N, C-alpha and C. Protein backbone atom coordinates (compact mmCIF):
# COMPACT_ATOMS: atom_id res chain seq x y z
N MET A 1 -13.94 333.86 125.61
CA MET A 1 -13.70 333.28 126.99
C MET A 1 -15.54 331.76 126.95
N LYS A 2 -16.15 332.45 126.50
CA LYS A 2 -17.45 331.59 126.41
C LYS A 2 -16.93 330.29 125.27
N ALA A 3 -16.73 330.61 124.50
CA ALA A 3 -15.80 329.49 123.52
C ALA A 3 -15.15 328.16 124.28
N THR A 4 -14.21 328.94 125.05
CA THR A 4 -13.26 328.21 126.24
C THR A 4 -14.37 327.23 127.10
N LEU A 5 -15.40 327.78 127.86
CA LEU A 5 -16.44 327.12 128.91
C LEU A 5 -16.29 326.61 127.83
N ALA A 6 -17.37 326.37 127.02
CA ALA A 6 -18.43 325.39 125.87
C ALA A 6 -17.43 324.28 125.39
N LEU A 7 -16.18 324.48 125.34
CA LEU A 7 -15.61 323.45 125.41
C LEU A 7 -15.23 322.43 126.03
N ALA A 8 -14.83 323.19 126.94
CA ALA A 8 -14.61 322.28 128.08
C ALA A 8 -15.54 321.71 128.83
N ALA A 9 -16.91 322.41 128.59
CA ALA A 9 -18.10 321.14 129.08
C ALA A 9 -18.16 320.67 127.86
N ILE A 10 -18.32 320.79 126.89
CA ILE A 10 -18.23 319.68 126.02
C ILE A 10 -17.18 318.17 126.55
N ALA A 11 -15.59 318.64 126.98
CA ALA A 11 -14.90 317.49 127.01
C ALA A 11 -15.29 316.84 128.72
N GLY A 12 -16.09 317.25 129.09
CA GLY A 12 -16.81 317.27 130.43
C GLY A 12 -17.61 315.73 130.13
N LEU A 13 -18.61 315.89 128.96
CA LEU A 13 -19.89 315.38 129.00
C LEU A 13 -19.33 313.97 128.31
N VAL A 14 -18.16 314.24 127.70
CA VAL A 14 -18.16 312.90 127.01
C VAL A 14 -16.28 312.34 127.47
N SER A 15 -16.21 311.08 127.56
CA SER A 15 -14.89 310.59 128.31
C SER A 15 -14.03 310.44 127.65
N SER A 16 -13.71 310.50 126.23
CA SER A 16 -12.78 310.49 125.37
C SER A 16 -13.03 311.25 123.95
N VAL A 17 -11.84 311.94 123.32
CA VAL A 17 -11.66 312.33 121.89
C VAL A 17 -11.52 311.32 121.16
N SER A 18 -11.85 312.02 119.49
CA SER A 18 -11.22 311.19 118.82
C SER A 18 -11.84 309.95 118.36
N GLY A 19 -12.81 310.03 117.64
CA GLY A 19 -13.57 308.82 116.69
C GLY A 19 -14.60 309.51 116.03
N GLN A 20 -15.29 308.47 115.67
CA GLN A 20 -16.21 308.60 114.65
C GLN A 20 -17.94 308.74 115.18
N TYR A 21 -18.17 308.83 116.26
CA TYR A 21 -19.14 309.04 117.01
C TYR A 21 -19.34 310.01 117.93
N TYR A 22 -19.84 311.31 118.19
CA TYR A 22 -20.07 312.34 119.04
C TYR A 22 -21.58 312.63 119.67
N GLY A 23 -21.02 313.38 120.63
CA GLY A 23 -22.06 313.50 121.69
C GLY A 23 -22.23 314.99 121.19
N ILE A 24 -23.53 315.24 122.13
CA ILE A 24 -24.08 317.18 121.71
C ILE A 24 -24.57 317.80 122.56
N ILE A 25 -23.80 318.91 122.93
CA ILE A 25 -24.61 319.85 123.98
C ILE A 25 -25.37 321.24 123.29
N ALA A 26 -26.23 322.06 123.70
CA ALA A 26 -27.21 322.73 123.24
C ALA A 26 -26.28 324.25 123.66
N ALA A 27 -26.36 324.74 123.02
CA ALA A 27 -25.22 326.08 123.07
C ALA A 27 -26.69 327.35 123.13
N ARG A 28 -27.11 328.12 123.61
CA ARG A 28 -27.70 329.05 123.78
C ARG A 28 -27.50 330.36 125.34
N SER A 29 -26.54 331.09 125.01
CA SER A 29 -26.18 331.79 126.53
C SER A 29 -27.38 332.45 126.81
N ALA A 30 -27.35 332.46 127.97
CA ALA A 30 -28.40 332.91 129.35
C ALA A 30 -29.99 332.56 128.86
N SER A 31 -29.79 331.32 128.72
CA SER A 31 -30.81 330.34 128.97
C SER A 31 -30.56 328.99 129.25
N PRO A 32 -32.10 328.55 130.13
CA PRO A 32 -32.03 327.07 130.83
C PRO A 32 -31.31 326.25 129.94
N ILE A 33 -31.20 326.03 128.67
CA ILE A 33 -30.94 324.82 128.28
C ILE A 33 -29.18 325.24 127.75
N HIS A 34 -28.34 326.20 128.15
CA HIS A 34 -27.18 326.43 127.71
C HIS A 34 -26.57 324.87 128.45
N LEU A 35 -25.78 324.32 127.19
CA LEU A 35 -24.61 323.40 127.87
C LEU A 35 -25.08 322.72 128.49
N ALA A 36 -26.49 322.14 128.02
CA ALA A 36 -27.42 320.84 128.27
C ALA A 36 -26.95 319.71 127.26
N PRO A 37 -26.63 318.78 127.45
CA PRO A 37 -26.78 317.49 126.35
C PRO A 37 -27.99 317.19 126.02
N ILE A 38 -28.20 316.75 124.70
CA ILE A 38 -29.25 316.37 124.17
C ILE A 38 -29.16 314.92 124.01
N ALA A 39 -30.35 314.22 124.34
CA ALA A 39 -31.04 313.14 124.85
C ALA A 39 -31.55 311.95 124.32
N ALA A 40 -31.33 311.07 123.61
CA ALA A 40 -32.38 310.03 123.40
C ALA A 40 -33.20 309.18 124.13
N ASN A 41 -34.67 309.39 123.73
CA ASN A 41 -36.15 308.84 125.12
C ASN A 41 -36.92 308.82 123.64
N GLY A 42 -37.59 307.82 124.02
CA GLY A 42 -38.92 307.76 123.60
C GLY A 42 -39.00 307.78 121.76
N GLN A 43 -38.00 307.58 121.16
CA GLN A 43 -37.71 308.05 120.07
C GLN A 43 -37.66 308.91 119.35
N ARG A 44 -37.41 309.99 120.50
CA ARG A 44 -36.95 311.67 120.33
C ARG A 44 -36.02 312.06 120.63
N LEU A 45 -35.48 313.35 120.53
CA LEU A 45 -34.48 314.17 121.11
C LEU A 45 -34.64 314.77 122.00
N TRP A 46 -34.24 315.03 123.16
CA TRP A 46 -34.44 316.08 124.08
C TRP A 46 -33.77 316.86 124.88
N ILE A 47 -33.92 317.94 125.96
CA ILE A 47 -32.96 318.19 126.61
C ILE A 47 -33.56 318.32 127.69
N GLY A 48 -33.06 317.55 129.05
CA GLY A 48 -33.43 317.55 130.16
C GLY A 48 -34.13 316.36 130.42
N LYS A 49 -34.23 315.23 129.61
CA LYS A 49 -34.22 313.81 129.74
C LYS A 49 -32.80 312.98 129.61
N LYS A 50 -33.35 312.14 130.34
CA LYS A 50 -32.14 311.16 130.43
C LYS A 50 -32.32 310.12 129.47
N THR A 51 -31.23 310.06 129.01
CA THR A 51 -30.75 308.94 127.91
C THR A 51 -31.49 307.37 128.00
N ALA A 52 -32.49 307.06 127.08
CA ALA A 52 -33.63 305.96 127.42
C ALA A 52 -32.50 304.61 126.28
N SER A 53 -31.69 303.47 126.92
CA SER A 53 -31.07 302.51 125.94
C SER A 53 -31.63 301.43 126.86
N TYR A 54 -31.11 300.32 125.54
CA TYR A 54 -31.84 298.93 125.33
C TYR A 54 -30.22 298.07 124.75
N CYS A 55 -30.22 296.82 125.95
CA CYS A 55 -29.05 296.15 125.12
C CYS A 55 -30.16 294.55 125.85
N PRO A 56 -29.76 293.57 124.66
CA PRO A 56 -30.13 292.33 125.03
C PRO A 56 -29.04 291.37 125.91
N ALA A 57 -30.07 291.00 126.65
CA ALA A 57 -28.82 290.16 127.82
C ALA A 57 -27.98 289.14 126.88
N ASN A 58 -27.91 288.83 125.67
CA ASN A 58 -27.16 287.58 124.94
C ASN A 58 -25.59 288.68 124.91
N VAL A 59 -25.77 289.67 124.59
CA VAL A 59 -24.94 290.47 124.31
C VAL A 59 -23.46 290.53 125.24
N GLY A 60 -24.42 290.62 126.49
CA GLY A 60 -23.30 291.04 127.96
C GLY A 60 -22.58 291.83 127.89
N ASP A 61 -21.13 291.68 128.26
CA ASP A 61 -20.22 292.50 128.45
C ASP A 61 -19.60 293.36 127.22
N ASN A 62 -20.22 293.17 126.46
CA ASN A 62 -19.95 293.07 124.80
C ASN A 62 -20.79 294.85 124.43
N CYS A 63 -21.92 294.83 125.71
CA CYS A 63 -22.81 296.36 125.60
C CYS A 63 -22.15 297.23 126.20
N PRO A 64 -22.32 298.50 125.42
CA PRO A 64 -22.08 299.91 125.68
C PRO A 64 -23.03 300.08 126.83
N ARG A 65 -22.61 301.19 127.64
CA ARG A 65 -23.45 301.15 128.89
C ARG A 65 -24.56 301.91 128.56
N GLY A 66 -25.17 302.77 127.64
CA GLY A 66 -25.76 303.48 127.25
C GLY A 66 -26.82 304.76 128.35
N LYS A 67 -25.61 305.09 129.15
CA LYS A 67 -26.01 306.56 129.32
C LYS A 67 -26.12 307.70 129.05
N ARG A 68 -25.11 307.43 128.40
CA ARG A 68 -25.66 309.57 127.34
C ARG A 68 -25.68 309.06 126.07
N THR A 69 -25.84 309.76 125.07
CA THR A 69 -26.69 309.59 123.76
C THR A 69 -25.29 310.41 122.86
N THR A 70 -24.58 309.22 122.21
CA THR A 70 -23.62 309.86 120.69
C THR A 70 -25.01 309.78 119.54
N PHE A 71 -23.98 310.62 118.52
CA PHE A 71 -24.28 310.43 116.91
C PHE A 71 -23.56 309.99 116.22
N ALA A 72 -23.73 309.74 114.96
CA ALA A 72 -22.59 309.44 113.79
C ALA A 72 -23.27 310.04 112.72
N GLY A 73 -22.30 310.62 112.02
CA GLY A 73 -22.86 311.01 110.33
C GLY A 73 -22.14 312.42 110.80
N GLY A 74 -23.49 313.33 109.70
CA GLY A 74 -23.45 314.91 109.63
C GLY A 74 -23.18 315.04 108.47
N ASP A 75 -22.83 314.28 107.21
CA ASP A 75 -22.54 314.73 106.34
C ASP A 75 -23.64 314.75 104.84
N GLY A 76 -24.92 315.36 105.18
CA GLY A 76 -25.67 314.93 105.02
C GLY A 76 -27.22 314.48 105.44
N THR A 77 -26.75 313.57 106.17
CA THR A 77 -27.39 312.14 106.70
C THR A 77 -26.92 312.32 108.53
N LEU A 78 -27.75 311.73 109.16
CA LEU A 78 -27.23 311.54 110.82
C LEU A 78 -28.42 310.53 111.38
N GLY A 79 -27.29 309.96 111.87
CA GLY A 79 -27.67 308.59 112.87
C GLY A 79 -27.88 308.50 114.14
N MET A 80 -27.79 307.54 114.88
CA MET A 80 -27.31 307.05 116.36
C MET A 80 -26.26 306.72 116.61
N GLY A 81 -25.45 307.12 117.47
CA GLY A 81 -24.12 306.40 117.90
C GLY A 81 -24.42 304.91 118.51
N THR A 82 -25.34 303.86 117.96
CA THR A 82 -25.11 302.30 118.20
C THR A 82 -24.66 301.52 117.40
N VAL A 83 -24.48 300.29 118.08
CA VAL A 83 -23.92 299.38 117.45
C VAL A 83 -24.93 298.48 116.78
N VAL A 84 -26.02 298.50 117.43
CA VAL A 84 -27.13 297.58 117.00
C VAL A 84 -27.12 297.17 115.21
N PRO A 85 -26.89 296.34 114.69
CA PRO A 85 -26.85 295.50 113.80
C PRO A 85 -28.09 296.62 112.87
N GLY A 86 -27.82 297.47 111.56
CA GLY A 86 -28.61 298.07 110.43
C GLY A 86 -28.73 299.15 111.40
N GLY A 87 -28.15 300.16 112.67
CA GLY A 87 -28.68 301.32 113.71
C GLY A 87 -29.44 302.07 113.53
N GLN A 88 -29.79 303.09 113.71
CA GLN A 88 -31.05 304.05 113.80
C GLN A 88 -30.32 305.35 113.13
N GLN A 89 -31.54 305.61 112.34
CA GLN A 89 -31.59 306.86 111.43
C GLN A 89 -32.22 308.00 111.95
N VAL A 90 -31.76 308.81 111.89
CA VAL A 90 -32.17 310.19 112.41
C VAL A 90 -33.29 310.59 111.08
N TYR A 91 -34.52 311.02 111.75
CA TYR A 91 -34.84 311.82 110.32
C TYR A 91 -35.85 312.87 111.04
N ILE A 92 -36.60 313.74 110.47
CA ILE A 92 -37.59 315.16 111.05
C ILE A 92 -38.77 314.94 110.36
N ASP A 93 -40.03 314.56 111.31
CA ASP A 93 -41.11 314.47 110.97
C ASP A 93 -41.56 315.63 110.39
N PRO A 94 -42.11 315.56 108.97
CA PRO A 94 -42.46 316.72 107.90
C PRO A 94 -43.85 317.14 108.78
N ALA A 95 -44.70 316.88 109.63
CA ALA A 95 -45.49 316.85 110.52
C ALA A 95 -45.38 317.86 111.08
N SER A 96 -44.46 317.79 111.67
CA SER A 96 -44.32 318.59 113.32
C SER A 96 -42.74 318.85 113.50
N GLY A 97 -42.35 318.53 112.87
CA GLY A 97 -40.83 319.29 112.85
C GLY A 97 -39.76 318.05 113.63
N ALA A 98 -40.49 317.38 114.24
CA ALA A 98 -40.07 316.56 115.90
C ALA A 98 -38.91 315.76 115.22
N ILE A 99 -38.08 316.02 115.69
CA ILE A 99 -36.43 314.84 115.78
C ILE A 99 -36.89 313.63 116.15
N GLY A 100 -36.95 312.53 114.94
CA GLY A 100 -37.35 311.33 116.19
C GLY A 100 -35.49 310.18 115.02
N TYR A 101 -35.70 309.31 115.70
CA TYR A 101 -34.86 308.12 115.30
C TYR A 101 -36.00 306.77 114.97
N THR A 102 -35.39 305.86 114.09
CA THR A 102 -35.41 305.00 113.94
C THR A 102 -35.65 304.02 115.01
N GLN A 103 -36.59 302.72 115.46
CA GLN A 103 -36.56 302.06 116.21
C GLN A 103 -35.52 301.28 115.67
N ALA A 104 -34.74 300.31 116.48
CA ALA A 104 -33.37 299.12 116.14
C ALA A 104 -34.45 298.07 115.28
N HIS A 105 -33.57 297.70 114.32
CA HIS A 105 -34.24 296.56 113.32
C HIS A 105 -35.06 297.14 112.32
N SER A 106 -35.46 298.35 112.43
CA SER A 106 -36.79 299.12 111.42
C SER A 106 -36.17 299.99 110.48
N ALA A 107 -36.58 300.52 109.59
CA ALA A 107 -36.11 301.43 108.93
C ALA A 107 -37.42 302.65 108.47
N SER A 108 -38.71 301.98 109.91
CA SER A 108 -39.88 302.65 109.19
C SER A 108 -39.76 304.32 110.26
N MET A 109 -40.45 305.19 109.40
CA MET A 109 -40.47 306.37 109.53
C MET A 109 -41.88 307.36 109.07
N PRO A 110 -42.12 308.23 109.72
CA PRO A 110 -43.18 309.03 109.32
C PRO A 110 -43.38 308.93 107.81
N GLU A 111 -44.28 309.11 106.74
CA GLU A 111 -44.18 309.34 105.11
C GLU A 111 -43.98 310.92 105.19
N GLY A 112 -42.75 310.86 103.62
CA GLY A 112 -42.04 312.40 104.13
C GLY A 112 -41.28 312.55 104.72
N ALA A 113 -40.97 311.91 105.57
CA ALA A 113 -39.69 312.21 106.51
C ALA A 113 -38.90 312.66 105.66
N ILE A 114 -37.86 313.65 106.51
CA ILE A 114 -36.72 314.18 106.21
C ILE A 114 -35.46 313.80 106.82
N THR A 115 -34.85 313.32 105.61
CA THR A 115 -33.46 312.54 106.22
C THR A 115 -32.50 313.52 106.36
N THR A 116 -31.89 314.24 105.32
CA THR A 116 -31.12 314.80 105.15
C THR A 116 -30.94 316.39 105.55
N GLY A 117 -29.92 317.27 105.08
CA GLY A 117 -29.93 318.55 105.21
C GLY A 117 -28.84 319.18 106.27
N TRP A 118 -28.31 317.03 106.75
CA TRP A 118 -27.32 317.65 108.45
C TRP A 118 -25.74 318.02 108.09
N THR A 119 -25.22 318.75 108.60
CA THR A 119 -23.40 319.43 108.21
C THR A 119 -22.78 318.95 109.67
N LEU A 120 -21.94 318.51 109.43
CA LEU A 120 -21.24 318.42 110.87
C LEU A 120 -19.85 319.26 110.66
N ASP A 121 -19.55 320.30 111.37
CA ASP A 121 -18.33 321.07 111.21
C ASP A 121 -17.19 320.99 112.12
N GLU A 122 -16.17 320.41 111.41
CA GLU A 122 -15.24 320.44 112.67
C GLU A 122 -14.37 321.16 112.35
N ASP A 123 -14.09 322.47 111.39
CA ASP A 123 -13.27 323.69 111.41
C ASP A 123 -11.90 322.74 111.40
N SER A 124 -11.14 323.52 112.15
CA SER A 124 -9.91 323.12 112.03
C SER A 124 -9.65 321.96 113.43
N ASN A 125 -10.69 321.78 114.41
CA ASN A 125 -9.84 321.06 115.54
C ASN A 125 -10.89 319.53 115.47
N PRO A 126 -11.16 318.38 114.80
CA PRO A 126 -11.50 317.36 114.36
C PRO A 126 -12.31 316.70 115.85
N SER A 127 -11.78 317.14 117.09
CA SER A 127 -12.48 317.07 118.33
C SER A 127 -13.90 317.56 118.74
N PHE A 128 -14.10 318.81 118.12
CA PHE A 128 -14.65 319.62 118.30
C PHE A 128 -15.67 320.04 117.54
N GLY A 129 -16.99 320.50 117.30
CA GLY A 129 -17.08 321.24 116.05
C GLY A 129 -19.00 321.45 116.44
N THR A 130 -19.22 321.55 115.00
CA THR A 130 -21.15 321.75 114.96
C THR A 130 -21.78 320.64 114.14
N LEU A 131 -22.95 321.08 114.59
CA LEU A 131 -24.24 320.17 114.15
C LEU A 131 -25.06 320.73 113.73
N ASP A 132 -25.40 320.94 112.17
CA ASP A 132 -26.62 321.72 111.98
C ASP A 132 -27.83 321.02 111.28
N TRP A 133 -28.78 321.50 111.37
CA TRP A 133 -29.82 321.22 110.22
C TRP A 133 -29.78 322.57 109.05
N LYS A 134 -29.90 322.55 108.00
CA LYS A 134 -30.01 323.33 106.90
C LYS A 134 -30.74 324.54 107.57
N ARG A 135 -31.87 324.62 108.27
CA ARG A 135 -32.70 325.39 108.55
C ARG A 135 -32.65 326.06 110.21
N GLY A 136 -32.00 325.18 110.87
CA GLY A 136 -31.62 325.41 112.17
C GLY A 136 -32.46 324.34 113.26
N LEU A 137 -32.22 324.38 114.37
CA LEU A 137 -32.58 323.76 115.52
C LEU A 137 -33.55 324.42 116.77
N LEU A 138 -34.33 323.91 117.10
CA LEU A 138 -35.19 324.69 117.87
C LEU A 138 -35.09 323.30 119.30
N ALA A 139 -35.12 324.43 119.97
CA ALA A 139 -35.80 323.42 121.92
C ALA A 139 -36.81 323.76 122.11
N CYS A 140 -37.98 323.13 122.29
CA CYS A 140 -39.59 323.62 122.90
C CYS A 140 -39.42 323.21 123.90
N SER A 141 -40.22 323.76 124.57
CA SER A 141 -40.64 323.18 125.95
C SER A 141 -41.91 322.49 125.77
N THR A 142 -41.83 321.32 126.97
CA THR A 142 -43.36 320.51 127.28
C THR A 142 -44.22 321.28 128.02
N LYS A 143 -43.47 322.15 128.83
CA LYS A 143 -44.31 322.75 129.74
C LYS A 143 -44.88 324.10 129.37
N GLY A 144 -44.80 324.61 127.79
CA GLY A 144 -45.58 325.47 127.45
C GLY A 144 -44.87 327.30 127.86
N ASN A 145 -43.61 326.94 128.28
CA ASN A 145 -42.57 327.73 129.03
C ASN A 145 -41.23 327.85 128.65
N SER A 146 -40.71 328.76 127.85
CA SER A 146 -38.95 328.38 127.34
C SER A 146 -38.58 328.02 128.39
N SER A 147 -38.78 328.63 130.08
CA SER A 147 -37.95 328.06 131.21
C SER A 147 -38.08 327.04 131.88
N LYS A 148 -39.22 326.13 131.56
CA LYS A 148 -38.95 324.63 131.91
C LYS A 148 -39.15 323.66 130.75
N GLY A 149 -38.20 322.37 131.25
CA GLY A 149 -38.08 321.53 130.78
C GLY A 149 -39.05 320.15 130.80
N PRO A 150 -38.88 319.43 130.40
CA PRO A 150 -37.48 319.47 129.46
C PRO A 150 -38.25 319.78 127.71
N TRP A 151 -37.21 320.10 126.73
CA TRP A 151 -37.37 320.34 125.65
C TRP A 151 -37.06 319.64 125.02
N GLN A 152 -38.15 319.22 124.07
CA GLN A 152 -38.13 318.38 122.77
C GLN A 152 -37.63 319.56 121.63
N ILE A 153 -36.93 318.51 120.72
CA ILE A 153 -35.78 319.11 119.86
C ILE A 153 -36.62 318.96 118.74
N TYR A 154 -36.55 320.46 118.02
CA TYR A 154 -37.01 320.03 116.13
C TYR A 154 -36.38 320.89 115.51
N ALA A 155 -36.30 320.17 114.16
CA ALA A 155 -36.30 321.33 112.75
C ALA A 155 -36.68 322.02 113.13
N ASN A 156 -36.31 323.75 112.28
CA ASN A 156 -37.18 324.55 112.03
C ASN A 156 -37.82 324.66 110.32
N LEU A 157 -38.91 323.85 110.94
CA LEU A 157 -39.43 323.85 109.23
C LEU A 157 -40.29 325.04 109.08
N LYS A 158 -40.04 325.35 107.59
CA LYS A 158 -41.05 327.05 106.97
C LYS A 158 -42.33 327.02 107.13
N ARG A 159 -43.14 325.72 107.09
CA ARG A 159 -44.34 325.67 107.36
C ARG A 159 -45.13 325.91 108.80
N ILE A 160 -43.88 325.97 109.86
CA ILE A 160 -44.37 325.79 111.18
C ILE A 160 -44.48 327.46 111.70
N ASP A 161 -44.80 327.39 112.66
CA ASP A 161 -44.81 328.31 113.87
C ASP A 161 -45.02 328.01 115.22
N PHE A 162 -43.61 328.17 114.89
CA PHE A 162 -42.87 327.68 116.45
C PHE A 162 -43.00 328.92 117.52
N GLY A 163 -43.65 328.68 118.67
CA GLY A 163 -43.80 329.22 119.31
C GLY A 163 -42.92 330.17 120.54
N PRO A 164 -43.40 331.01 121.46
CA PRO A 164 -42.37 331.55 122.35
C PRO A 164 -41.60 330.34 122.77
N GLU A 165 -42.49 329.53 123.52
CA GLU A 165 -41.54 327.91 124.30
C GLU A 165 -40.78 327.55 123.65
N CYS A 166 -39.96 327.81 122.27
CA CYS A 166 -39.23 327.11 121.78
C CYS A 166 -37.86 328.13 121.61
N LEU A 167 -36.74 327.57 121.77
CA LEU A 167 -35.30 328.35 121.51
C LEU A 167 -35.01 327.61 120.78
N GLY A 168 -34.02 328.73 119.94
CA GLY A 168 -33.35 328.31 118.71
C GLY A 168 -31.63 327.89 119.96
N PHE A 169 -31.09 327.13 118.81
CA PHE A 169 -29.92 326.83 119.57
C PHE A 169 -28.44 326.24 118.49
N SER A 170 -27.59 326.27 119.07
CA SER A 170 -26.12 325.65 118.51
C SER A 170 -25.99 324.03 119.00
N ALA A 171 -25.69 323.48 117.88
CA ALA A 171 -25.39 322.21 118.71
C ALA A 171 -23.61 321.93 118.63
N LEU A 172 -23.31 321.84 119.89
CA LEU A 172 -21.92 321.65 119.80
C LEU A 172 -21.24 320.31 120.12
N THR A 173 -20.25 319.73 119.27
CA THR A 173 -20.17 318.37 119.22
C THR A 173 -18.62 318.01 119.82
N ALA A 174 -18.47 316.99 120.39
CA ALA A 174 -17.35 316.27 121.05
C ALA A 174 -17.20 314.72 120.46
N ASN A 175 -16.39 314.69 119.94
CA ASN A 175 -15.82 313.05 119.50
C ASN A 175 -15.59 312.54 120.82
N VAL A 176 -16.20 310.88 120.55
CA VAL A 176 -15.69 309.71 121.37
C VAL A 176 -15.28 308.54 120.42
N THR A 177 -14.58 307.84 121.08
CA THR A 177 -13.90 306.86 120.14
C THR A 177 -14.91 305.55 119.67
N LYS A 178 -16.39 305.41 120.56
CA LYS A 178 -17.43 304.45 120.19
C LYS A 178 -18.31 304.80 120.36
N ALA A 179 -19.66 303.87 120.02
CA ALA A 179 -20.87 304.05 120.22
C ALA A 179 -21.07 304.26 121.76
N SER A 180 -22.38 304.66 122.17
CA SER A 180 -22.37 304.89 123.74
C SER A 180 -23.76 304.04 123.75
N ALA A 181 -24.31 303.28 123.01
CA ALA A 181 -24.95 301.94 123.36
C ALA A 181 -25.88 301.47 122.44
N TRP A 182 -26.02 300.02 122.45
CA TRP A 182 -26.43 298.98 121.77
C TRP A 182 -27.75 299.64 120.89
N GLN A 183 -28.66 299.99 121.62
CA GLN A 183 -29.64 300.82 120.57
C GLN A 183 -30.26 301.92 121.86
N TYR A 184 -31.16 303.04 121.37
CA TYR A 184 -31.87 304.10 121.89
C TYR A 184 -32.90 303.62 122.02
N THR A 185 -34.18 303.52 122.93
CA THR A 185 -35.51 302.94 122.87
C THR A 185 -36.10 304.89 123.11
């Protein structure tokens, strides 16, 4: 029953299935982040913030709407689901564990940034799956209380002691047919 509800929620999050891009929602039963979408905002990933995107005026009608966040990859590395030339790579800040993404047209990341360890598992259904980082993902409240958001997304790094305001979660995916933004800001 829970799996059916989660899959229905994912299906509602994205408009179509089958493609190389996918949206993500958090799964952590009986928590305020359960079935909430992951959004790109301020070069970081969040639950409880709106997606922030940009498209240059000269792209015109060819620009994706940019209202939701999509991702690409998951076979070792992860990228944002964008169409900007050069893309936007996802990385883990080695000092804090915060998951961020590069600015468009730049490969700049913090020194020692971690870009590997991502796994996309679609099991027998290529429309739905799970994304994981090798030691797990956390959503940490910026309010210092796990029940109030927004929550910033972190990778569970061994050397960092994450507090009680952080909730471990599973990242459920649903494929979409195209990128959802020109670039995320």
